[in-house]
Protein backbone atom coordinates (compact mmCIF):
# COMPACT_ATOMS: atom_id res chain seq x y z
CA MET A 1 0.00 0.00 0.00
CA HIS A 2 1.44 3.38 -1.00
CA HIS A 3 1.56 6.16 1.53
CA ALA A 4 1.08 9.86 0.95
CA THR A 5 4.34 11.69 0.51
CA SER A 6 5.15 14.45 2.95
CA THR A 7 6.78 17.62 1.70
CA THR A 8 8.40 18.29 5.07
CA THR A 9 10.87 15.42 5.40
CA ALA A 10 13.88 16.96 3.69
CA GLY A 11 16.50 19.32 5.11
CA PRO A 12 16.55 19.68 8.89
CA ALA A 13 15.82 16.01 9.56
CA GLN A 14 18.92 14.98 7.54
CA ALA A 15 21.13 17.58 9.24
CA ALA A 16 20.14 16.57 12.78
CA PRO A 17 22.99 15.25 14.95
CA PRO A 18 23.01 11.53 15.77
CA GLY A 19 21.09 10.41 18.82
CA ARG A 20 17.54 10.90 19.95
CA PRO A 21 16.50 14.58 19.98
CA GLY A 22 15.14 16.14 23.17
CA PHE A 23 11.47 16.47 23.98
CA PHE A 24 11.18 20.08 22.84
CA ALA A 25 13.02 19.32 19.62
CA ARG A 26 10.50 16.59 18.85
CA LEU A 27 7.49 18.84 19.41
CA ASP A 28 5.55 19.99 16.39
CA TRP A 29 5.25 23.65 17.33
CA ALA A 30 2.61 24.30 14.69
CA LEU A 31 0.46 21.67 16.40
CA VAL A 32 1.17 23.28 19.78
CA ALA A 33 -0.09 26.60 18.42
CA ILE A 34 -3.25 24.95 17.06
CA LEU A 35 -3.92 23.28 20.41
CA ILE A 36 -3.45 26.55 22.29
CA VAL A 37 -6.04 28.22 20.04
CA ALA A 38 -8.34 25.21 20.43
CA ALA A 39 -7.96 25.27 24.22
CA TRP A 40 -8.99 28.92 24.35
CA LEU A 41 -12.00 28.30 22.11
CA LEU A 42 -13.09 25.29 24.17
CA PHE A 43 -12.40 26.50 27.72
CA TYR A 44 -12.86 30.27 27.67
CA ASN A 45 -16.01 31.30 29.56
CA LEU A 46 -17.01 27.64 29.75
CA GLY A 47 -19.55 28.36 32.47
CA GLN A 48 -20.99 31.41 30.73
CA ARG A 49 -24.33 29.75 29.94
CA PRO A 50 -25.98 27.40 32.44
CA PHE A 51 -26.73 23.77 31.67
CA TRP A 52 -29.70 23.43 29.37
CA GLN A 53 -32.28 20.68 29.78
CA ASP A 54 -30.24 17.69 28.53
CA GLU A 55 -27.03 18.82 30.21
CA ALA A 56 -28.97 19.39 33.43
CA GLU A 57 -30.25 15.80 33.23
CA THR A 58 -26.64 14.60 33.31
CA ALA A 59 -25.76 17.14 36.01
CA CYS A 60 -28.56 16.07 38.34
CA LEU A 61 -27.55 12.43 37.96
CA ALA A 62 -23.88 13.31 38.51
CA LYS A 63 -24.85 15.23 41.65
CA ASN A 64 -26.57 12.11 42.93
CA VAL A 65 -23.47 10.05 42.09
CA LEU A 66 -21.46 12.21 44.49
CA LYS A 67 -23.95 11.36 47.25
CA ALA A 68 -24.68 7.70 46.58
CA GLY A 69 -21.99 6.44 44.19
CA LEU A 70 -24.57 5.42 41.57
CA PRO A 71 -26.71 7.51 39.19
CA TYR A 72 -30.06 7.51 40.93
CA ALA A 73 -32.87 9.55 39.35
CA PHE A 74 -34.40 10.64 42.66
CA ASP A 75 -32.68 12.66 45.37
CA GLY A 76 -35.51 12.55 47.88
CA VAL A 77 -37.19 15.68 46.49
CA ASN A 78 -36.94 15.83 42.70
CA VAL A 79 -37.12 13.22 39.93
CA VAL A 80 -34.89 13.27 36.84
CA SER A 81 -36.91 12.24 33.81
CA GLN A 82 -37.51 13.35 30.24
CA GLU A 83 -39.25 10.18 29.10
CA GLU A 84 -42.31 10.12 31.38
CA GLU A 85 -40.40 8.09 34.00
CA ARG A 86 -39.42 5.27 31.64
CA GLU A 87 -35.73 5.70 32.52
CA PHE A 88 -35.86 3.86 35.84
CA ASP A 89 -37.87 1.50 38.03
CA LYS A 90 -39.23 3.08 41.18
CA THR A 91 -39.15 -0.32 42.85
CA GLY A 92 -35.49 -0.61 41.92
CA GLY A 93 -34.46 2.51 43.81
CA TYR A 94 -34.70 4.88 40.83
CA LEU A 95 -31.41 3.62 39.36
CA TRP A 96 -30.87 5.30 35.98
CA ARG A 97 -31.18 2.70 33.23
CA TRP A 98 -31.89 4.62 30.06
CA SER A 99 -28.60 5.96 28.71
CA PRO A 100 -24.96 4.94 29.34
CA TRP A 101 -23.11 6.18 32.37
CA ILE A 102 -19.69 7.43 31.18
CA GLN A 103 -20.92 10.99 30.72
CA ILE A 104 -22.50 10.93 34.19
CA TYR A 105 -19.30 9.81 35.91
CA MET A 106 -17.17 12.21 33.87
CA GLN A 107 -19.32 15.10 35.06
CA ALA A 108 -19.32 13.78 38.61
CA GLY A 109 -15.52 13.82 38.41
CA GLY A 110 -15.60 17.45 37.33
CA PHE A 111 -17.92 18.30 40.22
CA ALA A 112 -15.73 16.40 42.68
CA VAL A 113 -12.72 18.53 41.71
CA GLY A 114 -14.33 21.91 41.05
CA GLY A 115 -17.57 21.83 43.04
CA LEU A 116 -21.14 21.94 41.73
CA ASP A 117 -20.20 24.56 39.18
CA THR A 118 -21.20 24.82 35.53
CA ALA A 119 -17.65 25.21 34.22
CA ALA A 120 -16.36 22.36 36.43
CA GLY A 121 -19.06 20.08 35.05
CA ARG A 122 -18.03 20.84 31.47
CA VAL A 123 -14.25 20.73 31.83
CA PRO A 124 -13.88 16.92 31.37
CA PHE A 125 -15.83 17.11 28.09
CA ALA A 126 -13.96 20.12 26.75
CA LEU A 127 -10.73 18.30 27.60
CA ALA A 128 -11.93 15.26 25.61
CA ALA A 129 -12.69 17.56 22.67
CA LEU A 130 -9.20 19.05 22.88
CA VAL A 131 -7.56 15.62 22.97
CA ALA A 132 -9.68 14.61 19.96
CA ILE A 133 -8.15 17.48 17.96
CA TYR A 134 -4.70 16.18 18.85
CA TRP A 135 -5.77 12.63 17.97
CA THR A 136 -7.01 13.80 14.57
CA TYR A 137 -3.51 15.11 13.88
CA ARG A 138 -1.94 11.95 15.29
CA LEU A 139 -4.09 9.65 13.16
CA VAL A 140 -3.00 11.29 9.89
CA ARG A 141 0.63 11.99 10.83
CA ARG A 142 1.31 8.59 12.33
CA HIS A 143 -0.26 6.38 9.70
CA PHE A 144 0.10 8.41 6.50
CA GLY A 145 3.21 10.46 7.17
CA ASP A 146 1.97 13.81 5.91
CA ARG A 147 2.53 16.56 8.48
CA ASN A 148 0.88 19.29 6.42
CA TRP A 149 -2.25 17.22 5.91
CA ALA A 150 -2.34 16.45 9.64
CA LEU A 151 -1.97 20.13 10.56
CA LEU A 152 -4.67 21.17 8.09
CA ALA A 153 -7.06 18.57 9.52
CA ALA A 154 -6.42 19.73 13.10
CA THR A 155 -6.88 23.36 12.05
CA LEU A 156 -10.16 22.74 10.24
CA LEU A 157 -11.50 20.80 13.22
CA THR A 158 -10.39 23.55 15.61
CA LEU A 159 -12.24 26.17 13.54
CA SER A 160 -15.34 24.01 13.03
CA VAL A 161 -18.01 25.83 15.02
CA PRO A 162 -20.36 22.79 15.16
CA TYR A 163 -17.46 20.85 16.70
CA LEU A 164 -16.67 23.63 19.19
CA LEU A 165 -20.32 23.79 20.19
CA ILE A 166 -20.59 20.08 20.94
CA GLY A 167 -17.14 20.10 22.57
CA ARG A 168 -18.34 22.60 25.19
CA GLN A 169 -21.34 20.43 26.15
CA ALA A 170 -21.45 18.24 29.24
CA ARG A 171 -22.74 15.30 27.23
CA TYR A 172 -21.34 12.21 25.49
CA TYR A 173 -20.51 13.99 22.21
CA ALA A 174 -16.82 14.78 22.77
CA PRO A 175 -15.95 11.52 24.60
CA GLY A 176 -17.71 9.52 21.87
CA THR A 177 -15.72 11.38 19.21
CA LEU A 178 -12.47 10.67 21.04
CA PHE A 179 -13.26 6.95 21.37
CA VAL A 180 -14.00 6.74 17.62
CA LEU A 181 -10.59 8.27 16.83
CA TRP A 182 -8.92 6.00 19.38
CA THR A 183 -10.47 2.93 17.75
CA LEU A 184 -9.52 4.02 14.22
CA ASP A 185 -5.96 4.71 15.34
CA ALA A 186 -5.76 1.19 16.75
CA PHE A 187 -7.29 -0.27 13.57
CA PHE A 188 -4.63 1.32 11.39
CA SER A 189 -1.92 0.03 13.71
CA ASP A 190 -0.65 -3.52 13.37
CA TRP A 191 -3.50 -5.13 15.33
CA GLN A 192 -3.41 -8.19 13.07
CA ARG A 193 -0.06 -9.19 14.64
CA ARG A 194 0.35 -7.05 17.76
CA TRP A 195 -1.95 -7.70 20.68
CA GLY A 196 -1.38 -4.24 22.13
CA ALA A 197 -3.16 -2.59 19.20
CA TRP A 198 -5.87 -5.25 19.33
CA TRP A 199 -6.54 -4.56 23.01
CA ALA A 200 -6.59 -0.82 22.29
CA MET A 201 -9.26 -1.39 19.64
CA PHE A 202 -11.25 -3.54 22.07
CA ALA A 203 -11.04 -0.87 24.79
CA GLY A 204 -12.15 1.80 22.31
CA MET A 205 -15.21 -0.26 21.38
CA VAL A 206 -16.19 -0.88 25.01
CA LEU A 207 -15.74 2.77 25.95
CA LEU A 208 -17.73 3.89 22.91
CA PHE A 209 -20.60 1.60 23.88
CA HIS A 210 -20.73 3.02 27.40
CA ALA A 211 -20.44 6.58 26.09
CA ASN A 212 -23.50 6.08 23.91
CA TYR A 213 -24.60 2.74 22.56
CA LEU A 214 -26.27 4.39 19.56
CA LEU A 215 -22.87 5.72 18.46
CA PHE A 216 -21.45 2.23 18.94
CA LEU A 217 -24.24 0.62 16.92
CA SER A 218 -23.90 3.19 14.13
CA PHE A 219 -20.09 3.04 14.06
CA ALA A 220 -18.98 -0.56 14.67
CA PRO A 221 -20.85 -2.35 11.84
CA THR A 222 -20.48 0.51 9.34
CA ALA A 223 -16.74 0.80 10.03
CA LEU A 224 -16.42 -2.94 9.47
CA VAL A 225 -18.25 -2.76 6.13
CA ALA A 226 -16.24 0.32 5.08
CA ALA A 227 -13.00 -1.49 5.94
CA ALA A 228 -14.10 -4.57 3.98
CA LEU A 229 -14.80 -2.40 0.94
CA VAL A 230 -11.74 -0.14 1.08
CA PHE A 231 -9.10 -2.01 3.13
CA PRO A 232 -9.94 -5.72 2.75
CA GLU A 233 -6.27 -6.65 3.23
CA ARG A 234 -6.38 -5.24 6.77
CA LEU A 235 -9.06 -7.65 7.99
CA ALA A 236 -7.73 -10.57 10.01
CA VAL A 237 -10.83 -12.72 10.30
CA LYS A 238 -9.92 -14.71 13.42
CA ARG A 239 -8.83 -11.72 15.47
CA LEU A 240 -11.79 -9.73 14.17
CA GLY A 241 -14.16 -12.49 15.26
CA LEU A 242 -12.50 -12.58 18.68
CA LEU A 243 -12.87 -8.80 18.95
CA ALA A 244 -16.57 -8.95 18.04
CA GLY A 245 -17.24 -11.84 20.40
CA LEU A 246 -15.44 -10.35 23.38
CA THR A 247 -16.98 -6.90 22.85
CA THR A 248 -20.43 -8.48 22.72
CA LEU A 249 -19.76 -10.50 25.84
CA VAL A 250 -18.18 -7.70 27.89
CA ALA A 251 -20.16 -4.65 26.72
CA VAL A 252 -23.19 -5.38 24.56
CA ILE A 253 -24.97 -8.14 26.48
CA PRO A 254 -24.51 -6.55 29.94
CA GLY A 255 -25.39 -3.18 28.41
CA ILE A 256 -28.64 -4.49 26.94
CA LEU A 257 -29.64 -5.63 30.41
CA LEU A 258 -28.37 -2.57 32.29
CA TYR A 259 -29.69 0.09 29.89
CA ARG A 260 -32.78 -1.89 28.86
CA ILE A 261 -32.13 -1.22 25.19
CA GLY A 262 -34.94 -3.54 24.15
CA ARG A 263 -37.52 -1.23 25.75
CA GLN A 264 -36.52 1.55 23.39
CA SER A 265 -36.80 -0.52 20.21
CA GLY A 266 -40.56 0.12 20.11
CA MET A 267 -39.88 3.69 18.99
CA PHE A 268 -38.91 2.52 15.48
CA ASP A 269 -41.09 3.98 12.73
CA ILE A 270 -40.24 3.07 9.14
CA LEU A 271 -42.27 6.00 7.84
CA LEU A 272 -39.68 8.38 9.31
CA VAL A 273 -36.70 6.84 7.49
CA PRO A 274 -36.93 8.83 4.20
CA GLN A 275 -37.31 12.11 6.07
CA ASN A 276 -34.44 11.27 8.42
CA LEU A 277 -32.13 10.44 5.52
CA MET A 278 -33.00 13.67 3.76
CA LEU A 279 -32.38 15.76 6.89
CA TYR A 280 -29.09 14.01 7.71
CA PHE A 281 -27.96 14.65 4.13
CA ALA A 282 -28.82 18.33 4.55
CA ASP A 283 -27.00 18.50 7.90
CA LEU A 284 -23.95 16.88 6.33
CA CYS A 285 -23.88 19.45 3.53
CA MET A 286 -24.64 22.45 5.75
CA PHE A 287 -22.21 21.77 8.61
CA CYS A 288 -19.75 19.01 7.69
CA ILE A 289 -18.84 18.56 4.01
CA PRO A 290 -20.09 21.18 1.50
CA LEU A 291 -22.09 19.75 -1.38
CA PRO A 292 -19.63 20.88 -4.12
CA VAL A 293 -16.83 18.98 -2.38
CA SER A 294 -18.98 15.85 -2.12
CA VAL A 295 -19.91 16.04 -5.81
CA ALA A 296 -16.24 16.43 -6.81
CA LEU A 297 -15.21 13.43 -4.70
CA VAL A 298 -18.02 11.23 -6.01
CA TRP A 299 -16.83 12.02 -9.54
CA ARG A 300 -13.20 11.35 -8.61
CA TRP A 301 -14.08 8.01 -7.02
CA ARG A 302 -16.67 6.95 -9.56
CA GLY A 303 -14.51 3.92 -10.37
CA PHE A 304 -14.82 2.75 -6.77
CA PHE A 305 -18.58 3.30 -6.59
CA THR A 306 -19.17 1.45 -9.86
CA ARG A 307 -16.41 -1.21 -9.93
CA LEU A 308 -14.78 -1.12 -6.45
CA ARG A 309 -11.58 0.25 -7.99
CA ARG A 310 -9.58 1.52 -5.02
CA PRO A 311 -7.05 4.39 -5.16
CA ALA A 312 -3.41 3.33 -5.13
CA ASP A 313 -2.31 6.04 -2.69
CA GLY A 314 -2.73 5.02 0.95
CA GLY A 315 -3.77 8.47 2.12
CA GLU A 316 -6.47 8.74 -0.52
CA ARG A 317 -7.71 5.28 0.36
CA PHE A 318 -8.07 6.40 3.95
CA VAL A 319 -10.05 9.45 2.86
CA LEU A 320 -12.26 7.18 0.76
CA PHE A 321 -12.69 4.96 3.82
CA CYS A 322 -13.80 8.02 5.83
CA ALA A 323 -16.30 8.96 3.11
CA VAL A 324 -17.77 5.45 2.91
CA LEU A 325 -17.97 5.26 6.72
CA ILE A 326 -19.83 8.59 6.81
CA ILE A 327 -22.29 7.48 4.12
CA LEU A 328 -22.99 4.15 5.81
CA SER A 329 -23.34 5.79 9.23
CA LEU A 330 -25.95 8.21 7.91
CA ALA A 331 -27.82 5.33 6.27
CA PHE A 332 -27.87 3.44 9.57
CA LEU A 333 -28.90 6.47 11.61
CA GLY A 334 -31.76 7.10 9.22
CA LEU A 335 -33.40 4.01 10.74
CA VAL A 336 -33.38 5.57 14.21
CA PRO A 337 -36.71 7.34 14.84
CA GLN A 338 -35.23 10.39 16.52
CA ARG A 339 -32.96 12.52 14.34
CA PHE A 340 -30.46 14.92 15.88
CA PHE A 341 -27.22 16.43 14.65
CA ARG A 342 -25.52 15.15 17.80
CA TYR A 343 -25.80 11.60 16.46
CA ILE A 344 -23.34 12.46 13.67
CA ALA A 345 -21.05 14.75 15.69
CA HIS A 346 -18.46 11.96 16.12
CA LEU A 347 -17.93 12.06 12.33
CA LEU A 348 -16.72 15.67 12.35
CA PRO A 349 -12.99 14.76 12.69
CA LEU A 350 -13.32 12.44 9.69
CA CYS A 351 -14.93 15.28 7.75
CA ALA A 352 -12.03 17.57 8.74
CA ILE A 353 -9.52 14.95 7.57
CA LEU A 354 -11.37 14.59 4.27
CA LEU A 355 -11.55 18.35 3.66
CA ALA A 356 -7.91 18.82 4.64
CA TRP A 357 -6.91 16.15 2.12
CA CYS A 358 -8.82 18.04 -0.58
CA VAL A 359 -6.91 21.24 0.22
CA ARG A 360 -3.61 19.33 0.32
CA ARG A 361 -4.32 17.66 -3.00
CA LEU A 362 -5.37 20.90 -4.66
CA TRP A 363 -2.14 22.55 -3.47
CA GLY A 364 -0.22 20.41 -5.93
CA PHE A 365 -2.27 21.77 -8.85
CA SER A 366 -2.91 25.40 -7.89
CA ARG A 367 -1.70 27.04 -4.72
CA PRO A 368 -4.02 30.07 -5.01
CA ALA A 369 -6.99 27.75 -5.53
CA ALA A 370 -5.96 25.64 -2.51
CA ALA A 371 -5.56 28.76 -0.35
CA MET A 372 -9.00 29.98 -1.46
CA LEU A 373 -10.57 26.60 -0.69
CA PHE A 374 -8.96 26.55 2.76
CA PHE A 375 -10.25 30.06 3.48
CA LEU A 376 -13.77 29.12 2.43
CA LEU A 377 -13.73 25.97 4.57
CA ALA A 378 -12.02 27.41 7.65
CA ALA A 379 -13.44 30.94 7.86
CA THR A 380 -16.82 30.87 6.10
CA ASN A 381 -19.84 28.66 5.52
CA TRP A 382 -20.45 30.09 2.05
CA LEU A 383 -19.52 26.90 0.23
CA ALA A 384 -21.93 24.97 2.47
CA VAL A 385 -24.96 27.25 2.58
CA TYR A 386 -25.05 29.01 -0.79
CA PRO A 387 -25.34 25.88 -3.01
CA MET A 388 -28.07 24.52 -0.74
CA GLU A 389 -29.98 27.78 -1.04
CA ARG A 390 -29.63 27.89 -4.80
CA LEU A 391 -30.80 24.28 -5.12
CA LYS A 392 -33.62 24.96 -2.60
CA ILE A 393 -32.66 22.04 -0.37
CA VAL A 394 -31.68 24.03 2.72
CA ASN A 395 -32.20 22.49 6.15
CA ARG A 396 -33.07 25.45 8.32
CA PRO A 397 -35.56 26.02 11.15
CA TRP A 398 -38.36 28.50 10.84
CA GLN A 399 -36.71 30.81 13.35
CA ASN A 400 -33.59 31.14 11.18
CA ASP A 401 -32.01 34.57 10.90
CA PHE A 402 -28.74 35.95 9.60
CA ARG A 403 -27.00 35.56 12.97
CA MET A 404 -27.16 31.76 12.85
CA LEU A 405 -25.11 29.08 11.10
CA THR A 406 -28.00 28.41 8.72
CA SER A 407 -27.31 31.66 6.88
CA LEU A 408 -24.23 32.88 5.01
CA ASN A 409 -21.77 33.83 7.74
CA PHE A 410 -18.28 33.78 9.19
CA PRO A 411 -19.00 31.07 11.81
CA ILE A 412 -15.88 31.51 13.93
CA LYS A 413 -16.61 35.24 14.21
CA LEU A 414 -20.12 34.48 15.50
CA PHE A 415 -18.69 31.96 17.98
CA VAL A 416 -16.01 34.30 19.35
CA THR A 417 -18.57 37.12 19.61
CA GLU A 418 -20.69 34.95 21.88
CA LEU A 419 -17.69 33.90 23.99
CA VAL A 420 -16.49 37.45 24.52
CA CYS A 421 -19.75 39.37 24.69
CA GLY A 422 -21.90 36.77 26.43
CA TYR A 423 -25.47 35.78 25.75
CA PRO A 424 -28.65 36.35 27.85
CA ASP A 425 -29.56 32.68 28.21
CA VAL A 426 -33.20 31.91 29.03
CA ASN A 427 -32.26 29.35 31.70
CA THR A 428 -30.20 32.00 33.49
CA ALA A 429 -33.28 34.21 33.72
CA ILE A 430 -35.48 31.36 34.99
CA VAL A 431 -32.97 30.19 37.60
CA GLU A 432 -32.27 33.69 38.91
CA PHE A 433 -35.97 34.51 39.10
CA PHE A 434 -36.83 31.51 41.26
CA ARG A 435 -33.70 31.89 43.38
CA THR A 436 -34.89 35.40 44.19
CA HIS A 437 -38.64 34.93 44.55
CA ALA A 438 -39.40 31.31 45.52
CA LYS A 439 -39.13 30.08 49.09
CA PRO A 440 -37.53 26.78 50.14
CA GLY A 441 -40.09 24.00 50.22
CA GLN A 442 -42.35 25.54 47.60
CA THR A 443 -43.42 23.63 44.48
CA VAL A 444 -42.69 24.90 40.99
CA LEU A 445 -44.43 23.37 38.00
CA ALA A 446 -42.40 24.09 34.87
CA GLU A 447 -43.59 23.02 31.44
CA TYR A 448 -39.97 22.87 30.27
CA GLY A 449 -36.59 23.71 31.76
CA GLU A 450 -37.42 22.00 35.05
CA LEU A 451 -34.07 20.16 35.21
CA PRO A 452 -31.88 23.31 35.23
CA LEU A 453 -34.14 24.58 38.02
CA ALA A 454 -33.76 21.34 39.97
CA PHE A 455 -29.97 21.47 39.66
CA TYR A 456 -29.32 25.14 40.36
CA VAL A 457 -32.01 26.07 42.93
CA ASP A 458 -31.80 24.15 46.19
CA GLY A 459 -34.83 23.58 48.37
CA LEU A 460 -37.49 23.65 45.65
CA ARG A 461 -39.71 20.81 44.59
CA VAL A 462 -39.68 21.00 40.78
CA ILE A 463 -42.26 19.02 38.82
CA GLY A 464 -43.70 18.99 35.32
CA GLY A 465 -41.53 19.19 32.25
CA LEU A 466 -41.30 15.87 30.47
CA GLN A 467 -41.80 13.76 33.59
CA GLY A 468 -45.29 12.60 32.74
CA PRO A 469 -48.68 13.16 34.42
CA VAL A 470 -48.75 15.60 37.31
CA PRO A 471 -49.91 13.86 40.53
CA GLU A 472 -53.57 14.43 41.34
CA GLY A 473 -54.28 17.07 43.94
CA THR A 474 -51.08 18.99 43.19
CA LYS A 475 -51.35 22.70 43.93
CA PRO A 476 -48.10 24.25 42.70
CA ASP A 477 -47.02 27.52 44.29
CA TRP A 478 -45.52 28.62 40.98
CA VAL A 479 -46.26 27.80 37.34
CA LEU A 480 -43.83 28.39 34.49
CA ARG A 481 -45.65 28.27 31.15
CA ARG A 482 -43.52 27.97 28.01
CA ARG A 483 -44.40 29.15 24.51
CA VAL A 484 -43.66 25.79 22.83
CA VAL A 485 -46.36 23.17 23.29
CA ARG A 486 -44.80 19.71 23.55
CA VAL A 487 -46.25 16.31 22.76
CA ASN A 488 -44.90 12.92 23.77
CA ARG A 489 -43.92 9.99 21.55
CA ASP A 490 -47.59 9.05 21.18
CA ARG A 491 -48.43 12.61 20.02
CA PHE A 492 -50.35 13.42 23.20
CA LEU A 493 -49.80 16.54 25.28
CA PHE A 494 -47.19 16.13 27.98
CA GLY A 495 -48.71 15.97 31.45
CA ALA A 496 -47.41 19.40 32.44
CA ARG A 497 -49.26 21.24 29.66
CA GLU A 498 -52.37 19.14 30.16
CA PHE A 499 -52.31 20.08 33.85
CA THR A 500 -51.75 23.82 33.31
CA ASP A 501 -54.57 23.88 30.76
CA SER A 502 -56.88 22.72 33.55
CA LEU A 503 -55.87 25.51 35.96
CA ASP A 504 -58.02 28.57 36.59
CA PHE A 505 -55.28 31.18 36.42
CA ALA A 506 -57.68 34.14 36.77
CA ARG A 507 -59.05 32.76 40.05
CA ASP A 508 -56.04 31.12 41.69
CA TYR A 509 -52.92 32.78 40.30
CA GLU A 510 -51.42 36.15 39.50
CA ARG A 511 -48.91 36.72 36.75
CA VAL A 512 -45.49 37.97 37.84
CA PRO A 513 -43.76 40.23 35.29
CA LEU A 514 -40.59 38.73 33.85
CA ALA A 515 -39.50 40.73 30.81
CA PHE A 516 -37.22 38.10 29.28
CA PRO A 517 -37.60 36.36 25.89
CA ASP A 518 -38.96 32.82 26.11
CA GLU A 519 -36.36 31.12 23.95
CA THR A 520 -36.99 27.41 23.69
CA PHE A 521 -33.74 25.75 24.70
CA GLY A 522 -31.09 28.16 25.90
CA ASN A 523 -27.64 26.72 25.38
CA ARG A 524 -28.71 23.95 23.02
CA THR A 525 -25.34 23.63 21.38
CA ASP A 526 -25.83 20.07 20.20
CA ASP A 527 -27.70 21.31 17.12
CA PRO A 528 -26.12 24.07 15.00
CA ASN A 529 -29.51 24.58 13.38
CA HIS A 530 -30.85 26.13 16.59
CA HIS A 531 -27.94 27.82 18.32
CA TYR A 532 -28.11 31.60 18.73
CA PHE A 533 -24.83 33.52 18.95
CA VAL A 534 -26.24 37.05 19.02
CA PRO A 535 -29.42 37.97 20.96
CA VAL A 536 -32.56 38.10 18.86
CA GLU A 537 -34.23 41.49 18.75
CA ALA A 538 -37.81 42.26 19.71
CA PRO A 539 -40.56 41.27 19.35
CA GLN A 540 -40.19 38.16 21.47
CA LYS A 541 -42.78 36.39 23.63
CA GLU A 542 -41.86 36.92 27.25
CA LEU A 543 -41.56 34.19 29.87
CA GLU A 544 -44.88 33.48 31.56
CA VAL A 545 -44.62 33.00 35.33
CA TRP A 546 -47.64 32.65 37.63
CA ARG A 547 -47.67 32.76 41.44
CA ARG A 548 -50.43 31.17 43.49
CA LYS A 549 -52.37 33.92 45.24
CA GLU A 550 -52.29 32.29 48.65
CA ALA A 551 -48.53 31.94 48.27
CA THR A 552 -48.07 35.70 47.93
CA PRO A 553 -45.91 36.99 50.78
């Protein structure tokens, strides 16, 4: 197999004195500079916005881990649930059995070191995102010998705003991405003959499963098929069978029992598959690989797609492998009823490697053209958004405006603006309001955003949200109505909205002024379609807070 040729191997390396160079001499200082920039982008003002609903779910469970050692969904006052209490058995002590635990224990570790602080809870995940940038460089440099390609890939990933957004989230996204890179690094090592690389691949698979089993299920089989199509000579059948068997025995079977995966299989709906595939394709083009680049690569590799004719160059074969893996992963994820960008976030380093290879390849034909392509990919989203607009296949929410990634923009400028200037997050307003006005022991019924309240405001009983039916006879002291009406998986109103619709607000409650826009999610950084970087101007529907009249001081 031929390897890509590096343009940086001549000169200084030949003139170096005999003997092993020192640590600082071995450092790639360009990589160090990239990692310093990445660290600032990932860690600066990390606690600026509070946890949003999904992050707060993890935070509440991590808080309970510090008390009990295990992720229980009930702390004696409040319940953690977004699936109408399907995530646990009350008779089993409320042990969390819906999603894997790595993210919970990572956040608990952050809390143990830095206290119950927003930034402390996010640090382990931002660190995983930073290491993943290094591992992207390592994967290319180590196995394909091209330093410039490796640096370009690390740079593009560092400047990828969707990647930075998910990297600053206290969720499984960054750890899952790191475990994917870890596993691929081991696969391209000599695992067919060296047990160390084999064990590394096994550990990567187990960790990926316990980070998020959906990522494992979408990555493991598709990576195997992609390898069979592009790198068949790398497949050692006996060791591969041993890897699959041991991973199933150690991770999959116990995980099915612990996380009750079978109970979630009933959500499958074949009617959603075409729509999911279309939306994933749009997300890929809008935030990962621009459509013109995909079209050019499909044309370049038409021999592979029609006759399985593989490129001779090892680096190009790896890029083809990344492309096939991405395609197969999207096809698999299209079968999953819920569609979110976060499910493809672990593919962003592969996209960066692919795009960096395109720039590197173009450099050999036209340096000005390569520099222009790099600028368009690193500093703008023009190449991604404009073709989609012209072809009328954009994937944008109704609330899109020019300050979001769904419009023509300089994404990194938007991101840095938010970091430096801040953002008036809706969950901040809600938390501060109830910290100021509610008394310990009072009950707050929130239609959404109840988990940030439960985490940040001690002494309150917080109900509603997505927990399911409100207990009969409940008389909440406070009611937080939200502008978005939510329905459950069966298309029925969630219990919180059904309950508030039955209240006589004119008789029993008085509205408390809270002049703050009722944005839906707050810091929902797992979906670049919905993230706001600059505050939206008026008019905006204000938050609706009601206080029970007899609870008035």
